[in-house]
């Protein structure tokens, strides 16, 4: 009983058959063969003849033979054909020469039938696997990857009698590999079709590794092998960059002229995303691209910036206002390889900068005016040219009318009297004439800046005046031009 072999050796089996002449004989010229005795009679020369008598003679490369060595041990020798199995019966006859006398052994009918059984041994199955499988990221998150070209040359391993065996593939994740990136783990059908489905957004920088083994139904009897060698399956994923995205907080924004001139912040973007919640995108840098087409006098300065967090710093030129139609998009640094996208869609919004009345301004050429009290019964008039200078209604508001508003802040009339503060007297029309320094309101010409006032005769003291320049624009925001 021997196992089937893919590369058979030469089988040699010792045969302890010897001649025992003391047993008597069925024929005076023939002795009986004994198969149990181990003693060897070196004086007897035995010649064995073999011939097929039944079964499969195609198991062997040549007819099995029996030979004797010098110790009198008989050896059965045969060589199998590769992958051959089954039974064969060999008829063995023996002739001995004792003292050169030819004597046929007739024990057991003069011949013995030897059955050689070659037991089928399951051969190792085999297959061929593509060096690697490469897919684009997320190309198969909504549908199953199917390919019948990645696994080929599927074989049960043995001769034709193993072709009916059933085969199955075992696909096991490599040790330590996180399988979260697969909605359906890789699987291989008996015909070699590879299938899997990935998890959306997932990415394997070094490839996903699985160990693949082919199993057949031949079993492991007589040292048979029903499993192929393990072959690694590596699924590589080409990185496909997801486009970044964002939403506008509104499509129309309004701001006042002065705030925009100083640099106003507007939160215009929200839900800002690099494109994928996992993977390399989470480390990408984002940049907004902004373009605006202003109308009216509005002039948007280069300092205007839209930051990655969606905050717009809007800076306009002083004295300009109007509306601007803007478009904005978001870009990342992930590139566009393998059909990726690094820019969002463009979204549009408008910004309206409302006109505000600019405060008029001026300067004083001096802050102290000294005169002597009027020494005449009639009031005395005094004029100081150009006390106020640089009067302006605003950068773009030169057509507005200007006027000075003058109030008394404090007074001491006459010198040495108890000082009066604001609102204690109007300094001009007090019920007590002795507290009046001026015979009429103080005036400043808005065109020339000339200061004019009239003193009460024989009055002295000190008055601090508050001078304010007003224009004809509105103080309401927003204001008409």
Protein backbone atom coordinates (compact mmCIF):
# COMPACT_ATOMS: atom_id res chain seq x y z
CA UNK A 1 0.00 0.00 0.00
CA UNK A 2 1.71 3.18 -1.16
CA UNK A 3 0.54 6.77 -1.65
CA UNK A 4 0.19 8.46 -4.99
CA UNK A 5 3.11 10.73 -5.80
CA UNK A 6 3.58 13.74 -7.99
CA UNK A 7 7.27 12.86 -8.46
CA UNK A 8 7.38 9.17 -7.50
CA UNK A 9 10.51 7.52 -6.07
CA UNK A 10 11.58 4.00 -6.78
CA UNK A 11 9.95 1.80 -4.17
CA UNK A 12 12.02 -1.09 -2.75
CA UNK A 13 10.44 -3.49 -0.31
CA UNK A 14 12.46 -6.37 1.31
CA UNK A 15 10.91 -9.82 0.90
CA UNK A 16 11.88 -12.35 3.62
CA UNK A 17 10.99 -15.33 1.52
CA UNK A 18 13.44 -18.27 1.96
CA UNK A 19 13.77 -21.89 0.94
CA UNK A 20 13.31 -24.48 3.68
CA UNK A 21 14.07 -27.96 2.27
CA UNK A 22 13.07 -29.66 5.54
CA UNK A 23 9.39 -28.96 4.96
CA UNK A 24 9.01 -31.71 2.44
CA UNK A 25 7.52 -31.24 -0.92
CA UNK A 26 4.45 -31.85 -2.90
CA UNK A 27 6.65 -32.97 -5.72
CA UNK A 28 9.95 -34.78 -5.36
CA UNK A 29 11.57 -32.21 -7.54
CA UNK A 30 9.92 -29.07 -5.98
CA UNK A 31 10.04 -27.50 -2.56
CA UNK A 32 7.59 -25.18 -0.80
CA UNK A 33 8.16 -21.43 -0.30
CA UNK A 34 7.76 -20.19 3.29
CA UNK A 35 7.02 -16.51 3.83
CA UNK A 36 7.56 -16.28 7.57
CA UNK A 37 11.03 -17.64 8.21
CA UNK A 38 13.69 -14.98 8.38
CA UNK A 39 16.67 -17.27 8.02
CA UNK A 40 18.39 -17.06 4.65
CA UNK A 41 19.85 -20.03 2.76
CA UNK A 42 22.66 -18.55 0.74
CA UNK A 43 23.14 -21.85 -1.07
CA UNK A 44 19.86 -21.38 -2.88
CA UNK A 45 19.67 -19.07 -5.85
CA UNK A 46 16.15 -17.81 -6.49
CA UNK A 47 14.91 -16.14 -9.62
CA UNK A 48 11.55 -14.34 -9.52
CA UNK A 49 9.43 -13.66 -12.55
CA UNK A 50 6.65 -11.03 -12.47
CA UNK A 51 3.78 -10.31 -14.77
CA UNK A 52 0.59 -8.29 -14.52
CA UNK A 53 -2.43 -10.40 -13.84
CA UNK A 54 -5.09 -7.79 -13.18
CA UNK A 55 -5.90 -4.18 -12.29
CA UNK A 56 -4.18 -1.15 -13.75
CA UNK A 57 -0.85 -1.86 -15.36
CA UNK A 58 -0.56 1.87 -16.27
CA UNK A 59 0.32 2.72 -12.68
CA UNK A 60 3.94 1.86 -13.30
CA UNK A 61 6.66 2.97 -15.65
CA UNK A 62 7.69 -0.74 -15.94
CA UNK A 63 6.55 -4.07 -14.56
CA UNK A 64 7.44 -4.41 -10.87
CA UNK A 65 10.28 -6.87 -10.23
CA UNK A 66 11.77 -8.87 -7.36
CA UNK A 67 15.50 -9.27 -6.94
CA UNK A 68 17.74 -10.95 -4.36
CA UNK A 69 20.68 -9.34 -2.70
CA UNK A 70 23.78 -11.20 -1.47
CA UNK A 71 22.16 -11.65 1.94
CA UNK A 72 19.38 -13.64 0.39
CA UNK A 73 16.79 -10.88 0.86
CA UNK A 74 14.34 -10.44 -1.93
CA UNK A 75 13.40 -6.86 -2.91
CA UNK A 76 10.22 -5.73 -4.64
CA UNK A 77 11.03 -2.76 -6.84
CA UNK A 78 8.66 -0.56 -8.84
CA UNK A 79 8.29 3.04 -10.00
CA UNK A 80 4.93 4.82 -10.25
CA UNK A 81 3.79 7.17 -12.92
CA UNK A 82 3.12 10.72 -11.65
CA UNK A 83 -0.32 11.23 -10.11
CA UNK A 84 -1.34 7.61 -10.85
CA UNK A 85 -3.50 5.75 -8.31
CA UNK A 86 -5.48 2.55 -8.18
CA UNK A 87 -4.84 -1.21 -7.79
CA UNK A 88 -2.66 -3.55 -9.82
CA UNK A 89 -2.15 -7.32 -9.35
CA UNK A 90 1.22 -8.85 -10.16
CA UNK A 91 1.70 -12.60 -10.62
CA UNK A 92 4.99 -13.69 -9.08
CA UNK A 93 6.63 -17.01 -9.92
CA UNK A 94 9.92 -18.27 -8.55
CA UNK A 95 12.62 -20.56 -9.92
CA UNK A 96 15.52 -21.79 -7.72
CA UNK A 97 18.84 -23.24 -8.67
CA UNK A 98 20.29 -25.48 -5.95
CA UNK A 99 23.53 -27.14 -6.83
CA UNK A 100 22.74 -26.06 -10.36
CA UNK A 101 19.54 -28.10 -10.36
CA UNK A 102 16.55 -26.16 -11.68
CA UNK A 103 13.63 -26.63 -9.31
CA UNK A 104 10.34 -24.89 -9.62
CA UNK A 105 8.63 -23.90 -6.40
CA UNK A 106 5.05 -24.98 -6.51
CA UNK A 107 3.98 -23.80 -3.04
CA UNK A 108 0.70 -21.86 -3.15
CA UNK A 109 -0.04 -23.27 -6.53
CA UNK A 110 3.41 -22.48 -7.91
CA UNK A 111 2.76 -18.72 -8.01
CA UNK A 112 1.67 -15.84 -5.78
CA UNK A 113 -0.50 -12.85 -6.65
CA UNK A 114 0.71 -9.56 -5.14
CA UNK A 115 -1.69 -6.63 -5.11
CA UNK A 116 -0.12 -3.18 -5.12
CA UNK A 117 -2.57 -0.48 -4.05
CA UNK A 118 -1.65 3.11 -4.87
CA UNK A 119 -3.76 5.30 -2.62
CA UNK A 120 -4.89 8.61 -4.08
CA UNK A 121 -3.17 11.51 -2.32
CA UNK A 122 -4.75 14.95 -2.59
CA UNK A 123 -2.42 17.34 -4.38
CA UNK A 124 -1.98 20.94 -3.26
CA UNK A 125 -4.33 23.28 -5.15
CA UNK A 126 -2.90 26.41 -6.68
CA UNK A 127 -3.83 29.72 -8.28
CA UNK A 128 -2.28 32.89 -9.59
CA UNK A 129 -3.02 36.34 -8.22
CA UNK A 130 -2.43 39.72 -9.82
CA UNK A 131 0.54 41.50 -8.27
CA UNK A 132 -1.80 44.11 -6.88
CA UNK A 133 -5.26 45.51 -7.40
CA UNK A 134 -5.48 49.28 -7.82
CA UNK A 135 -8.68 51.32 -7.72
CA UNK A 136 -9.47 55.00 -7.40
CA UNK A 137 -10.61 56.18 -4.03
CA UNK A 138 -14.37 55.88 -3.61
CA UNK A 139 -14.77 54.42 -7.09
CA UNK A 140 -16.50 51.45 -5.43
CA UNK A 141 -18.26 52.72 -2.34
CA UNK A 142 -21.71 52.75 -3.93
CA UNK A 143 -21.19 49.71 -6.16
CA UNK A 144 -19.29 46.43 -5.79
CA UNK A 145 -15.92 45.96 -7.43
CA UNK A 146 -16.04 42.81 -9.59
CA UNK A 147 -13.18 41.42 -11.64
CA UNK A 148 -12.53 38.01 -13.14
CA UNK A 149 -8.99 38.86 -14.23
CA UNK A 150 -7.27 39.35 -10.87
CA UNK A 151 -7.37 35.64 -9.94
CA UNK A 152 -6.36 33.16 -12.65
CA UNK A 153 -4.94 29.65 -13.21
CA UNK A 154 -7.12 28.08 -10.56
CA UNK A 155 -6.12 24.39 -10.23
CA UNK A 156 -7.08 21.58 -7.88
CA UNK A 157 -3.43 20.55 -8.18
CA UNK A 158 -3.69 16.92 -9.25
CA UNK A 159 -4.50 14.79 -12.28
CA UNK A 160 -7.86 14.42 -13.90
CA UNK A 161 -9.35 12.54 -10.95
CA UNK A 162 -9.13 15.78 -8.89
CA UNK A 163 -10.84 17.96 -11.46
CA UNK A 164 -14.22 17.32 -9.86
CA UNK A 165 -13.12 18.60 -6.47
CA UNK A 166 -14.86 21.65 -5.08
CA UNK A 167 -12.69 24.70 -4.37
CA UNK A 168 -13.22 27.66 -2.06
CA UNK A 169 -11.11 30.74 -1.41
CA UNK A 170 -10.23 31.95 2.06
CA UNK A 171 -9.56 35.70 2.22
CA UNK A 172 -8.36 36.85 5.64
CA UNK A 173 -7.17 40.37 6.61
CA UNK A 174 -3.48 40.55 7.39
CA UNK A 175 -2.62 40.76 11.06
CA UNK A 176 -3.28 44.18 12.51
CA UNK A 177 -5.06 45.55 9.44
CA UNK A 178 -8.10 47.73 10.15
CA UNK A 179 -10.97 46.52 7.98
CA UNK A 180 -13.12 49.60 8.67
CA UNK A 181 -12.37 50.79 5.15
CA UNK A 182 -14.55 48.06 3.63
CA UNK A 183 -18.32 47.86 3.62
CA UNK A 184 -17.93 44.44 2.00
CA UNK A 185 -14.66 42.64 2.69
CA UNK A 186 -12.81 41.17 -0.30
CA UNK A 187 -14.11 37.77 -1.35
CA UNK A 188 -13.25 35.43 -4.22
CA UNK A 189 -15.77 33.07 -5.77
CA UNK A 190 -14.69 29.57 -6.93
CA UNK A 191 -14.42 30.84 -10.52
CA UNK A 192 -11.95 33.50 -9.41
CA UNK A 193 -14.18 36.58 -9.39
CA UNK A 194 -12.87 39.10 -6.86
CA UNK A 195 -15.44 41.33 -5.17
CA UNK A 196 -15.34 44.06 -2.51
CA UNK A 197 -16.86 47.41 -1.65
CA UNK A 198 -15.05 50.21 0.16
CA UNK A 199 -16.24 52.62 2.81
CA UNK A 200 -16.83 56.14 1.51
CA UNK A 201 -13.96 58.61 1.98
CA UNK A 202 -11.63 55.84 3.22
CA UNK A 203 -8.05 55.74 2.01
CA UNK A 204 -5.26 53.17 2.50
CA UNK A 205 -1.87 54.89 2.16
CA UNK A 206 0.07 51.61 2.09
CA UNK A 207 -2.57 49.38 0.56
CA UNK A 208 -5.02 46.96 2.16
CA UNK A 209 -3.41 43.55 2.69
CA UNK A 210 -5.29 40.24 2.78
CA UNK A 211 -4.00 36.65 2.86
CA UNK A 212 -5.59 34.41 0.23
CA UNK A 213 -5.61 30.60 0.36
CA UNK A 214 -7.32 28.16 -2.02
CA UNK A 215 -8.93 25.10 -0.42
CA UNK A 216 -10.18 21.97 -2.20
CA UNK A 217 -12.44 19.14 -1.07
CA UNK A 218 -9.79 16.41 -1.47
CA UNK A 219 -8.94 16.23 2.21
CA UNK A 220 -5.61 15.51 3.87
CA UNK A 221 -5.59 11.67 3.94
CA UNK A 222 -2.18 9.99 3.54
CA UNK A 223 -0.37 13.32 3.88
CA UNK A 224 -2.48 14.92 1.19
CA UNK A 225 -2.69 18.72 1.05
CA UNK A 226 -5.98 20.49 0.50
CA UNK A 227 -4.73 24.06 0.90
CA UNK A 228 -2.64 26.13 -1.46
CA UNK A 229 0.26 28.26 -0.41
CA UNK A 230 -0.86 31.57 1.06
CA UNK A 231 -0.66 34.46 -1.41
CA UNK A 232 -0.98 38.12 -0.29
CA UNK A 233 -3.64 40.22 -1.97
CA UNK A 234 -2.83 43.95 -1.84
CA UNK A 235 -5.54 46.43 -2.77
CA UNK A 236 -4.06 49.83 -3.51
CA UNK A 237 -6.17 52.94 -3.60
CA UNK A 238 -5.20 55.93 -5.71
CA UNK A 239 -5.86 59.12 -3.76
CA UNK A 240 -8.62 61.15 -5.37
CA UNK A 241 -8.95 64.56 -3.77
CA UNK A 242 -12.42 65.66 -2.76
CA UNK A 243 -13.39 69.22 -3.60
CA UNK A 244 -13.74 71.49 -0.57
CA UNK A 245 -17.11 73.01 0.16
CA UNK A 246 -18.83 75.75 2.16
CA UNK A 247 -22.12 77.57 2.50
CA UNK A 248 -22.88 81.28 2.59
CA UNK A 249 -24.42 82.64 5.76
CA UNK A 250 -26.44 85.01 3.58
CA UNK A 251 -26.55 86.24 0.01
CA UNK A 252 -26.74 89.97 0.81
CA UNK A 253 -24.75 91.95 3.35
CA UNK A 254 -25.05 95.59 4.38
CA UNK A 255 -22.62 97.85 6.19
CA UNK A 256 -22.11 101.56 6.76
CA UNK A 257 -19.48 103.61 5.06
CA UNK A 258 -17.47 104.55 8.12
CA UNK A 259 -17.28 100.98 9.43
CA UNK A 260 -16.12 99.74 6.02
CA UNK A 261 -13.55 102.51 5.81
CA UNK A 262 -12.05 101.41 9.12
CA UNK A 263 -12.17 97.72 8.18
CA UNK A 264 -15.38 95.83 8.94
CA UNK A 265 -15.71 92.09 9.54
CA UNK A 266 -18.52 90.06 8.03
CA UNK A 267 -19.10 86.35 8.70
CA UNK A 268 -20.03 85.26 5.20
CA UNK A 269 -19.13 81.52 5.09
CA UNK A 270 -20.00 78.54 7.28
CA UNK A 271 -19.90 74.74 7.20
CA UNK A 272 -16.44 74.93 5.68
CA UNK A 273 -15.13 71.47 4.73
CA UNK A 274 -11.94 70.14 3.17
CA UNK A 275 -14.08 67.65 1.26
CA UNK A 276 -13.82 64.47 3.34
CA UNK A 277 -14.24 63.88 7.08
CA UNK A 278 -11.37 61.35 7.17
CA UNK A 279 -8.14 60.83 5.32
CA UNK A 280 -5.54 63.28 4.02
CA UNK A 281 -8.09 66.04 3.43
CA UNK A 282 -8.29 66.71 7.16
CA UNK A 283 -4.74 68.09 7.02
CA UNK A 284 -5.18 70.21 3.92
CA UNK A 285 -4.89 73.99 3.84
CA UNK A 286 -7.81 76.02 2.55
CA UNK A 287 -7.82 79.35 0.72
CA UNK A 288 -10.79 81.46 -0.33
CA UNK A 289 -10.74 83.23 -3.68
CA UNK A 290 -12.80 86.44 -3.74
CA UNK A 291 -13.64 88.80 -6.59
CA UNK A 292 -15.98 91.78 -6.41
CA UNK A 293 -17.39 94.18 -9.01
CA UNK A 294 -18.28 97.43 -7.22
CA UNK A 295 -20.71 100.04 -8.47
CA UNK A 296 -21.20 103.71 -7.61
CA UNK A 297 -18.29 105.39 -5.91
CA UNK A 298 -17.44 102.28 -3.91
CA UNK A 299 -13.75 101.41 -3.96
CA UNK A 300 -12.70 98.17 -2.26
CA UNK A 301 -9.08 98.27 -1.15
CA UNK A 302 -6.49 95.50 -1.45
CA UNK A 303 -6.46 95.04 2.31
CA UNK A 304 -9.80 93.29 1.95
CA UNK A 305 -9.28 89.63 2.93
CA UNK A 306 -11.47 86.54 3.22
CA UNK A 307 -9.91 84.29 5.85
CA UNK A 308 -10.08 80.45 5.81
CA UNK A 309 -12.57 80.53 8.70
CA UNK A 310 -15.09 82.41 6.52
CA UNK A 311 -14.58 85.89 8.01
CA UNK A 312 -14.43 88.72 5.48
CA UNK A 313 -12.42 91.83 6.39
CA UNK A 314 -13.86 94.52 4.12
CA UNK A 315 -11.84 97.71 3.73
CA UNK A 316 -13.11 100.51 1.50
CA UNK A 317 -11.63 103.82 0.49
CA UNK A 318 -12.78 106.78 2.63
CA UNK A 319 -15.83 108.56 1.33
CA UNK A 320 -16.88 105.80 -1.07
CA UNK A 321 -20.09 103.85 -0.97
CA UNK A 322 -22.33 101.76 -3.17
CA UNK A 323 -22.92 98.07 -3.90
CA UNK A 324 -20.66 95.26 -5.07
CA UNK A 325 -21.52 91.88 -6.56
CA UNK A 326 -19.01 89.31 -5.35
CA UNK A 327 -18.20 85.69 -6.15
CA UNK A 328 -16.27 83.39 -3.85
CA UNK A 329 -14.81 79.88 -4.13
CA UNK A 330 -12.75 77.68 -1.85
CA UNK A 331 -9.56 75.84 -2.87
CA UNK A 332 -7.46 73.24 -1.07
CA UNK A 333 -3.91 72.02 -1.70
CA UNK A 334 -4.83 68.39 -2.46
CA UNK A 335 -4.35 68.57 -6.24
CA UNK A 336 -6.40 67.10 -9.07
CA UNK A 337 -4.57 63.83 -9.79
CA UNK A 338 -6.66 60.82 -10.83
CA UNK A 339 -9.67 63.01 -11.52
CA UNK A 340 -9.72 64.75 -8.15
CA UNK A 341 -10.99 68.28 -7.53
CA UNK A 342 -9.35 70.99 -5.45
CA UNK A 343 -11.88 73.82 -5.86
CA UNK A 344 -15.46 74.28 -4.73
CA UNK A 345 -18.22 75.73 -6.83
CA UNK A 346 -18.48 79.49 -6.97
CA UNK A 347 -21.13 81.16 -4.81
CA UNK A 348 -22.36 84.73 -5.23
CA UNK A 349 -23.31 87.38 -2.73
CA UNK A 350 -23.68 91.16 -2.62
CA UNK A 351 -22.30 93.82 -0.29
CA UNK A 352 -23.94 97.20 0.06
CA UNK A 353 -21.99 100.02 1.70
CA UNK A 354 -24.41 102.72 2.78
CA UNK A 355 -23.34 106.35 2.63
CA UNK A 356 -22.83 108.09 5.96
CA UNK A 357 -22.48 111.82 6.51
CA UNK A 358 -18.87 112.58 7.28
CA UNK A 359 -18.34 114.85 10.25
CA UNK A 360 -17.06 118.27 9.19
CA UNK A 361 -13.68 119.35 10.52
CA UNK A 362 -11.60 122.47 11.16
CA UNK A 363 -8.65 123.71 13.17
CA UNK A 364 -8.03 126.78 15.34
CA UNK A 365 -5.12 129.06 14.65
CA UNK A 366 -5.09 130.07 18.30
CA UNK A 367 -6.84 129.02 21.51
CA UNK A 368 -6.55 132.31 23.48
CA UNK A 369 -7.93 135.74 22.56
CA UNK A 370 -7.22 138.75 24.83
CA UNK A 371 -8.77 142.21 24.59
CA UNK A 372 -9.22 145.19 26.92
CA UNK A 373 -12.64 146.00 28.28
CA UNK A 374 -14.60 148.59 26.46
CA UNK A 375 -14.01 151.98 28.04
CA UNK A 376 -16.83 153.66 26.20
CA UNK A 377 -20.54 153.73 26.90
CA UNK A 378 -21.30 151.89 23.66
CA UNK A 379 -20.50 148.23 23.09
CA UNK A 380 -17.19 147.49 21.38
CA UNK A 381 -16.90 145.11 18.36
CA UNK A 382 -13.79 142.96 17.83
CA UNK A 383 -12.77 140.81 14.85
CA UNK A 384 -9.95 138.21 14.67
CA UNK A 385 -9.42 137.07 11.07
CA UNK A 386 -8.75 133.38 10.38
CA UNK A 387 -9.24 132.07 13.87
CA UNK A 388 -10.74 128.89 12.32
CA UNK A 389 -9.07 127.25 9.32
CA UNK A 390 -9.37 124.15 7.13
CA UNK A 391 -13.15 123.97 7.27
CA UNK A 392 -14.47 120.96 5.32
CA UNK A 393 -17.77 119.11 5.22
CA UNK A 394 -16.17 115.75 4.33
CA UNK A 395 -14.23 114.03 1.57
CA UNK A 396 -17.08 113.83 -0.90
CA UNK A 397 -19.44 116.31 0.73
CA UNK A 398 -18.04 119.66 -0.45
CA UNK A 399 -21.49 120.77 -1.58
CA UNK A 400 -22.83 120.76 1.99
CA UNK A 401 -23.32 124.03 3.89
CA UNK A 402 -21.24 124.69 7.00
CA UNK A 403 -22.01 126.67 10.13
CA UNK A 404 -20.33 127.15 13.48
CA UNK A 405 -22.19 126.52 16.72
CA UNK A 406 -20.63 128.35 19.67
CA UNK A 407 -21.53 127.76 23.31
CA UNK A 408 -20.06 128.98 26.57
CA UNK A 409 -18.45 126.23 28.61
CA UNK A 410 -17.54 128.28 31.66
CA UNK A 411 -17.18 131.94 32.70
CA UNK A 412 -15.86 134.26 35.39
CA UNK A 413 -17.38 137.69 35.07
CA UNK A 414 -15.98 139.92 36.38
CA UNK A 415 -12.55 138.69 37.31
CA UNK A 416 -12.59 137.55 40.89
CA UNK A 417 -16.26 136.55 40.76
CA UNK A 418 -17.41 133.01 41.46
CA UNK A 419 -16.84 131.00 38.26
CA UNK A 420 -19.98 129.71 36.54
CA UNK A 421 -20.13 126.43 34.69
CA UNK A 422 -22.04 125.28 31.67
CA UNK A 423 -25.81 125.75 31.78
CA UNK A 424 -25.68 128.03 34.84
CA UNK A 425 -26.00 130.97 32.53
CA UNK A 426 -26.13 131.34 28.79
CA UNK A 427 -23.40 133.96 29.07
CA UNK A 428 -25.37 136.12 26.69
CA UNK A 429 -28.80 136.79 28.13
CA UNK A 430 -28.53 136.22 31.83
CA UNK A 431 -31.15 137.79 34.06
CA UNK A 432 -28.24 139.38 35.84
CA UNK A 433 -26.63 141.81 33.39
CA UNK A 434 -23.52 141.91 35.50
CA UNK A 435 -22.74 138.29 34.44
CA UNK A 436 -22.75 139.13 30.75
CA UNK A 437 -19.44 139.64 28.98
CA UNK A 438 -20.81 139.80 25.45
CA UNK A 439 -23.45 142.12 24.17
CA UNK A 440 -24.40 139.66 21.39
CA UNK A 441 -23.53 136.05 20.46
CA UNK A 442 -19.97 135.29 19.38
CA UNK A 443 -19.77 134.39 15.66
CA UNK A 444 -17.26 132.64 13.37
CA UNK A 445 -17.65 132.99 9.62
CA UNK A 446 -17.80 129.45 8.11
CA UNK A 447 -16.19 130.62 4.89
CA UNK A 448 -13.33 132.76 6.25
CA UNK A 449 -12.99 131.55 9.82
CA UNK A 450 -13.06 135.11 11.15
CA UNK A 451 -14.02 135.45 14.82
CA UNK A 452 -16.35 138.38 15.67
CA UNK A 453 -17.74 139.39 19.07
CA UNK A 454 -19.15 142.51 20.82
CA UNK A 455 -18.27 143.28 24.44
CA UNK A 456 -20.52 144.89 27.03
CA UNK A 457 -18.95 148.24 28.04
CA UNK A 458 -16.94 148.31 31.22
CA UNK A 459 -17.23 144.48 31.65
CA UNK A 460 -14.27 142.20 32.13
CA UNK A 461 -13.72 138.54 32.84
CA UNK A 462 -12.98 135.24 31.14
CA UNK A 463 -15.21 132.99 29.06
CA UNK A 464 -14.30 129.56 27.67
CA UNK A 465 -16.16 128.84 24.46
CA UNK A 466 -16.96 125.49 22.89
CA UNK A 467 -16.82 125.71 19.07
CA UNK A 468 -18.48 123.06 16.88
CA UNK A 469 -18.68 122.96 13.08
CA UNK A 470 -21.87 121.56 11.61
CA UNK A 471 -22.76 120.64 8.04
CA UNK A 472 -26.09 120.30 6.29
CA UNK A 473 -25.85 116.50 6.07
CA UNK A 474 -27.93 114.21 8.20
CA UNK A 475 -26.80 112.61 11.41
CA UNK A 476 -29.08 109.65 10.70
CA UNK A 477 -27.46 106.43 9.43
CA UNK A 478 -27.76 105.64 6.62
CA UNK A 479 -28.10 109.16 5.28
CA UNK A 480 -28.93 110.48 1.83
CA UNK A 481 -26.03 111.74 -0.21
